[in-house]
């Protein structure tokens, strides 16, 4: 792997070079394979092309009030398909997006800002009111950020193990590259710029309470990628949010979990208008 080659030299090359390498490696798409069940569900969807030169893709199931689903870093819209079809079966139009560099959407570099931008572009393309948004991991963080960055508005939001700020890639960089604290500090500023604020302001900005909307927070106490205490921190920003914690569901498996899917669907269909 490229990281194995770079790790031994990352702290002996100039700081600017180490920082550039860090940003480059962190922005590379890492697509994951589709399960057979995901392929079958995707075959039932309507493909939506949008964005510049129709270079972006989203997938739609059902008809009714619009629910948008946002996958996590390195995932894709197809991975949200099982949850999307369950929501659609309750009388909604479920649309799962492929963020730039994921799924069928083009792009050689990915970023948190691109998540929010693509979501905003999709909503403007669909040109209809959004009833609910569901985001997993980075998708949840950027979905909530899109409220301020892209004027996203919905009646209901669901965050499935969304980090309270973009620290997971920093943890991975420390583990895989062992970069210096100076490079980490610069990378934090780089990430914060994608949210148009300082690092320490991200949580309060992204998860700012909106009394006109409802928020469901779902976290697993055994998650090793996103800390379940993030849900508690977010709830301090949005006190009326509903916080639910599960046990024994791995981060990468949460969107396929029957327990989590049931909680998401129940939250969305409750008092549907």
Protein backbone atom coordinates (compact mmCIF):
# COMPACT_ATOMS: atom_id res chain seq x y z
CA UNK A 1 0.00 0.00 0.00
CA UNK A 2 1.03 3.58 -0.67
CA UNK A 3 0.73 4.49 3.01
CA UNK A 4 3.26 1.79 3.93
CA UNK A 5 5.78 3.38 1.57
CA UNK A 6 5.17 6.91 2.79
CA UNK A 7 4.95 6.31 6.56
CA UNK A 8 8.71 5.78 7.11
CA UNK A 9 9.58 9.10 5.43
CA UNK A 10 6.59 11.33 6.26
CA UNK A 11 8.32 12.94 9.25
CA UNK A 12 11.72 13.46 7.62
CA UNK A 13 10.51 15.31 4.54
CA UNK A 14 9.75 19.07 4.78
CA UNK A 15 6.55 19.97 6.65
CA UNK A 16 4.90 21.48 3.57
CA UNK A 17 5.52 18.29 1.63
CA UNK A 18 4.23 16.13 4.50
CA UNK A 19 1.09 18.24 4.69
CA UNK A 20 0.54 18.03 0.91
CA UNK A 21 0.96 14.25 0.97
CA UNK A 22 -1.46 13.97 3.89
CA UNK A 23 -4.15 15.98 2.07
CA UNK A 24 -3.62 13.96 -1.10
CA UNK A 25 -3.94 10.58 0.58
CA UNK A 26 -6.96 11.63 2.65
CA UNK A 27 -8.85 12.84 -0.43
CA UNK A 28 -8.54 9.66 -2.48
CA UNK A 29 -11.84 7.83 -3.10
CA UNK A 30 -11.94 4.38 -1.54
CA UNK A 31 -14.92 2.67 -3.10
CA UNK A 32 -16.35 -0.45 -1.51
CA UNK A 33 -17.95 -3.35 -3.33
CA UNK A 34 -21.72 -3.82 -3.53
CA UNK A 35 -23.44 -6.72 -1.85
CA UNK A 36 -25.70 -8.84 -4.04
CA UNK A 37 -28.73 -7.54 -2.17
CA UNK A 38 -27.64 -3.95 -2.87
CA UNK A 39 -27.35 -4.69 -6.58
CA UNK A 40 -30.84 -6.18 -6.63
CA UNK A 41 -32.33 -3.16 -4.86
CA UNK A 42 -30.45 -0.77 -7.13
CA UNK A 43 -31.94 -2.50 -10.17
CA UNK A 44 -35.39 -1.45 -8.93
CA UNK A 45 -34.44 2.23 -8.66
CA UNK A 46 -34.81 5.11 -11.07
CA UNK A 47 -31.46 6.67 -11.95
CA UNK A 48 -31.27 10.46 -11.57
CA UNK A 49 -28.47 12.34 -13.35
CA UNK A 50 -27.68 15.85 -12.14
CA UNK A 51 -24.90 18.37 -11.69
CA UNK A 52 -22.41 19.69 -14.28
CA UNK A 53 -22.67 17.63 -17.48
CA UNK A 54 -24.90 15.21 -15.56
CA UNK A 55 -21.75 13.91 -13.88
CA UNK A 56 -23.52 13.08 -10.60
CA UNK A 57 -25.92 10.23 -9.87
CA UNK A 58 -28.71 9.58 -7.40
CA UNK A 59 -31.22 6.73 -7.08
CA UNK A 60 -34.95 7.01 -6.45
CA UNK A 61 -37.55 4.60 -5.11
CA UNK A 62 -41.28 5.20 -4.54
CA UNK A 63 -43.50 8.27 -4.62
CA UNK A 64 -44.62 10.76 -1.99
CA UNK A 65 -42.91 13.25 0.34
CA UNK A 66 -39.18 13.46 -0.45
CA UNK A 67 -36.64 11.72 1.79
CA UNK A 68 -32.97 12.05 0.90
CA UNK A 69 -30.37 9.55 2.11
CA UNK A 70 -26.66 10.39 2.32
CA UNK A 71 -24.06 7.63 2.55
CA UNK A 72 -20.80 7.80 4.48
CA UNK A 73 -17.19 8.29 3.38
CA UNK A 74 -16.16 5.57 0.95
CA UNK A 75 -19.70 4.21 0.69
CA UNK A 76 -22.36 4.92 -1.97
CA UNK A 77 -26.07 5.42 -2.54
CA UNK A 78 -26.62 1.73 -3.24
CA UNK A 79 -25.57 0.92 0.31
CA UNK A 80 -28.50 3.05 1.50
CA UNK A 81 -30.87 1.17 -0.82
CA UNK A 82 -32.28 -1.30 1.70
CA UNK A 83 -33.22 1.49 4.10
CA UNK A 84 -34.46 3.63 1.19
CA UNK A 85 -36.88 0.95 -0.03
CA UNK A 86 -38.28 0.46 3.46
CA UNK A 87 -38.95 4.19 3.71
CA UNK A 88 -40.44 4.22 0.20
CA UNK A 89 -42.82 1.39 1.13
CA UNK A 90 -44.42 3.72 3.69
CA UNK A 91 -45.47 6.26 1.05
CA UNK A 92 -42.36 8.33 0.43
CA UNK A 93 -39.99 9.05 -2.43
CA UNK A 94 -36.58 7.91 -1.23
CA UNK A 95 -33.58 9.35 -3.05
CA UNK A 96 -30.07 8.09 -2.25
CA UNK A 97 -27.19 10.18 -3.57
CA UNK A 98 -23.78 9.11 -4.87
CA UNK A 99 -21.41 11.82 -3.64
CA UNK A 100 -18.53 12.91 -5.92
CA UNK A 101 -15.99 10.10 -6.19
CA UNK A 102 -18.47 7.53 -4.87
CA UNK A 103 -20.74 5.08 -6.67
CA UNK A 104 -21.51 6.23 -10.21
CA UNK A 105 -20.67 9.90 -9.61
CA UNK A 106 -17.45 11.08 -11.23
CA UNK A 107 -14.57 12.65 -9.35
CA UNK A 108 -11.01 11.80 -8.34
CA UNK A 109 -10.99 13.69 -5.04
CA UNK A 110 -13.46 13.68 -2.16
CA UNK A 111 -14.01 16.12 0.68
CA UNK A 112 -16.49 17.03 3.39
CA UNK A 113 -17.37 20.21 1.52
CA UNK A 114 -18.15 18.20 -1.60
CA UNK A 115 -20.65 16.14 0.39
CA UNK A 116 -22.60 19.27 1.32
CA UNK A 117 -22.25 20.82 -2.14
CA UNK A 118 -23.51 17.71 -3.92
CA UNK A 119 -26.45 17.44 -1.57
CA UNK A 120 -27.35 21.07 -2.23
CA UNK A 121 -27.04 20.55 -5.99
CA UNK A 122 -29.30 17.50 -5.84
CA UNK A 123 -32.00 19.28 -3.83
CA UNK A 124 -32.01 22.20 -6.27
CA UNK A 125 -32.22 19.76 -9.18
CA UNK A 126 -35.19 17.93 -7.67
CA UNK A 127 -36.84 21.30 -6.98
CA UNK A 128 -39.28 20.08 -4.32
CA UNK A 129 -39.66 20.32 -0.57
CA UNK A 130 -37.58 17.90 1.46
CA UNK A 131 -39.55 16.07 4.13
CA UNK A 132 -36.61 14.26 5.75
CA UNK A 133 -32.89 13.66 5.41
CA UNK A 134 -31.03 10.59 6.65
CA UNK A 135 -27.24 10.54 6.84
CA UNK A 136 -24.76 7.90 7.97
CA UNK A 137 -21.38 8.84 9.46
CA UNK A 138 -19.73 11.60 7.35
CA UNK A 139 -22.97 11.79 5.38
CA UNK A 140 -24.83 12.77 8.53
CA UNK A 141 -22.26 15.38 9.52
CA UNK A 142 -22.27 16.98 6.06
CA UNK A 143 -26.05 16.71 5.74
CA UNK A 144 -26.41 18.80 8.88
CA UNK A 145 -23.70 21.21 7.69
CA UNK A 146 -25.59 21.66 4.40
CA UNK A 147 -28.33 23.45 6.33
CA UNK A 148 -26.03 26.43 6.73
CA UNK A 149 -23.75 25.93 3.73
CA UNK A 150 -26.39 25.05 1.12
CA UNK A 151 -29.66 26.25 2.67
CA UNK A 152 -30.91 22.69 3.08
CA UNK A 153 -34.24 22.56 4.90
CA UNK A 154 -36.22 19.53 6.05
CA UNK A 155 -38.84 18.72 8.66
CA UNK A 156 -36.87 15.77 10.00
CA UNK A 157 -33.21 14.78 10.17
CA UNK A 158 -31.70 11.43 11.12
CA UNK A 159 -28.02 11.12 11.99
CA UNK A 160 -26.72 7.55 12.15
CA UNK A 161 -23.38 7.68 13.98
CA UNK A 162 -22.54 11.12 12.57
CA UNK A 163 -19.32 12.46 14.14
CA UNK A 164 -19.74 15.70 16.07
CA UNK A 165 -16.81 17.04 14.02
CA UNK A 166 -14.60 15.47 11.29
CA UNK A 167 -12.11 13.73 13.58
CA UNK A 168 -12.29 10.15 12.16
CA UNK A 169 -9.92 10.92 9.24
CA UNK A 170 -7.51 12.54 11.70
CA UNK A 171 -7.50 9.37 13.79
CA UNK A 172 -6.79 7.31 10.65
CA UNK A 173 -4.00 9.64 9.54
CA UNK A 174 -2.33 9.40 12.95
CA UNK A 175 -2.60 5.61 12.86
CA UNK A 176 -1.59 4.97 9.25
CA UNK A 177 0.96 7.75 8.68
CA UNK A 178 2.09 8.87 12.12
CA UNK A 179 2.40 12.47 10.97
CA UNK A 180 3.61 15.23 13.27
CA UNK A 181 1.35 17.36 15.45
CA UNK A 182 2.16 20.37 13.24
CA UNK A 183 0.81 18.59 10.16
CA UNK A 184 -2.25 17.45 12.11
CA UNK A 185 -2.89 21.03 13.23
CA UNK A 186 -2.71 22.27 9.64
CA UNK A 187 -4.97 19.45 8.48
CA UNK A 188 -7.54 20.33 11.16
CA UNK A 189 -7.61 23.89 9.84
CA UNK A 190 -8.02 22.55 6.32
CA UNK A 191 -11.02 20.49 7.40
CA UNK A 192 -12.53 23.35 9.41
CA UNK A 193 -12.35 25.61 6.35
CA UNK A 194 -14.69 23.18 4.59
CA UNK A 195 -17.31 24.07 7.21
CA UNK A 196 -16.56 27.81 7.03
CA UNK A 197 -15.56 28.03 10.68
CA UNK A 198 -12.83 27.26 13.21
CA UNK A 199 -12.21 23.67 14.34
CA UNK A 200 -13.63 24.24 17.82
CA UNK A 201 -16.79 25.82 16.35
CA UNK A 202 -17.76 22.95 14.04
CA UNK A 203 -20.07 21.06 16.39
CA UNK A 204 -22.06 24.10 17.52
CA UNK A 205 -22.34 25.43 13.95
CA UNK A 206 -23.24 22.16 12.22
CA UNK A 207 -25.73 20.93 14.82
CA UNK A 208 -27.35 24.26 15.65
CA UNK A 209 -30.89 23.68 16.93
CA UNK A 210 -33.80 24.45 14.61
CA UNK A 211 -37.09 24.47 16.53
CA UNK A 212 -38.98 23.98 13.25
CA UNK A 213 -37.38 20.58 12.67
CA UNK A 214 -36.95 17.27 14.48
CA UNK A 215 -33.70 15.37 14.93
CA UNK A 216 -33.07 11.68 15.66
CA UNK A 217 -29.58 10.67 16.79
CA UNK A 218 -28.61 7.00 16.57
CA UNK A 219 -25.32 5.76 18.00
CA UNK A 220 -23.88 2.41 19.01
CA UNK A 221 -22.00 2.11 22.29
CA UNK A 222 -19.55 -0.41 20.79
CA UNK A 223 -18.76 1.68 17.68
CA UNK A 224 -14.97 1.87 17.32
CA UNK A 225 -14.99 4.49 14.55
CA UNK A 226 -17.34 7.19 15.84
CA UNK A 227 -17.63 7.70 19.60
CA UNK A 228 -21.15 7.18 20.92
CA UNK A 229 -20.60 10.15 23.25
CA UNK A 230 -20.81 12.34 20.14
CA UNK A 231 -24.56 11.88 20.36
CA UNK A 232 -24.55 13.40 23.85
CA UNK A 233 -22.45 16.34 22.66
CA UNK A 234 -24.78 17.00 19.74
CA UNK A 235 -27.79 16.84 22.02
CA UNK A 236 -26.37 19.73 24.05
CA UNK A 237 -26.59 21.78 20.83
CA UNK A 238 -30.07 20.47 19.98
CA UNK A 239 -31.71 19.67 23.36
CA UNK A 240 -35.01 18.46 21.87
CA UNK A 241 -33.26 15.83 19.74
CA UNK A 242 -34.11 12.18 20.37
CA UNK A 243 -30.97 10.22 21.25
CA UNK A 244 -31.02 6.43 20.96
CA UNK A 245 -28.07 4.13 21.61
CA UNK A 246 -27.72 0.54 20.47
CA UNK A 247 -25.33 -2.25 21.37
CA UNK A 248 -23.14 -4.48 19.23
CA UNK A 249 -23.68 -2.99 15.75
CA UNK A 250 -20.45 -2.26 13.89
CA UNK A 251 -20.12 1.15 12.28
CA UNK A 252 -19.98 -0.22 8.74
CA UNK A 253 -23.02 -2.44 9.29
CA UNK A 254 -25.38 0.11 10.84
CA UNK A 255 -27.26 1.01 7.65
CA UNK A 256 -28.16 -2.65 7.16
CA UNK A 257 -29.17 -3.23 10.78
CA UNK A 258 -32.88 -4.16 11.10
CA UNK A 259 -32.92 -2.49 14.54
CA UNK A 260 -31.62 0.81 13.21
CA UNK A 261 -33.75 0.68 10.06
CA UNK A 262 -36.86 0.16 12.18
CA UNK A 263 -36.06 3.19 14.34
CA UNK A 264 -35.42 5.37 11.29
CA UNK A 265 -38.65 4.38 9.55
CA UNK A 266 -40.73 4.85 12.69
CA UNK A 267 -39.28 8.33 13.22
CA UNK A 268 -39.97 9.36 9.63
CA UNK A 269 -43.54 8.06 9.43
CA UNK A 270 -44.52 9.45 12.85
CA UNK A 271 -47.08 12.25 12.30
CA UNK A 272 -46.41 12.30 8.54
CA UNK A 273 -48.00 15.30 6.90
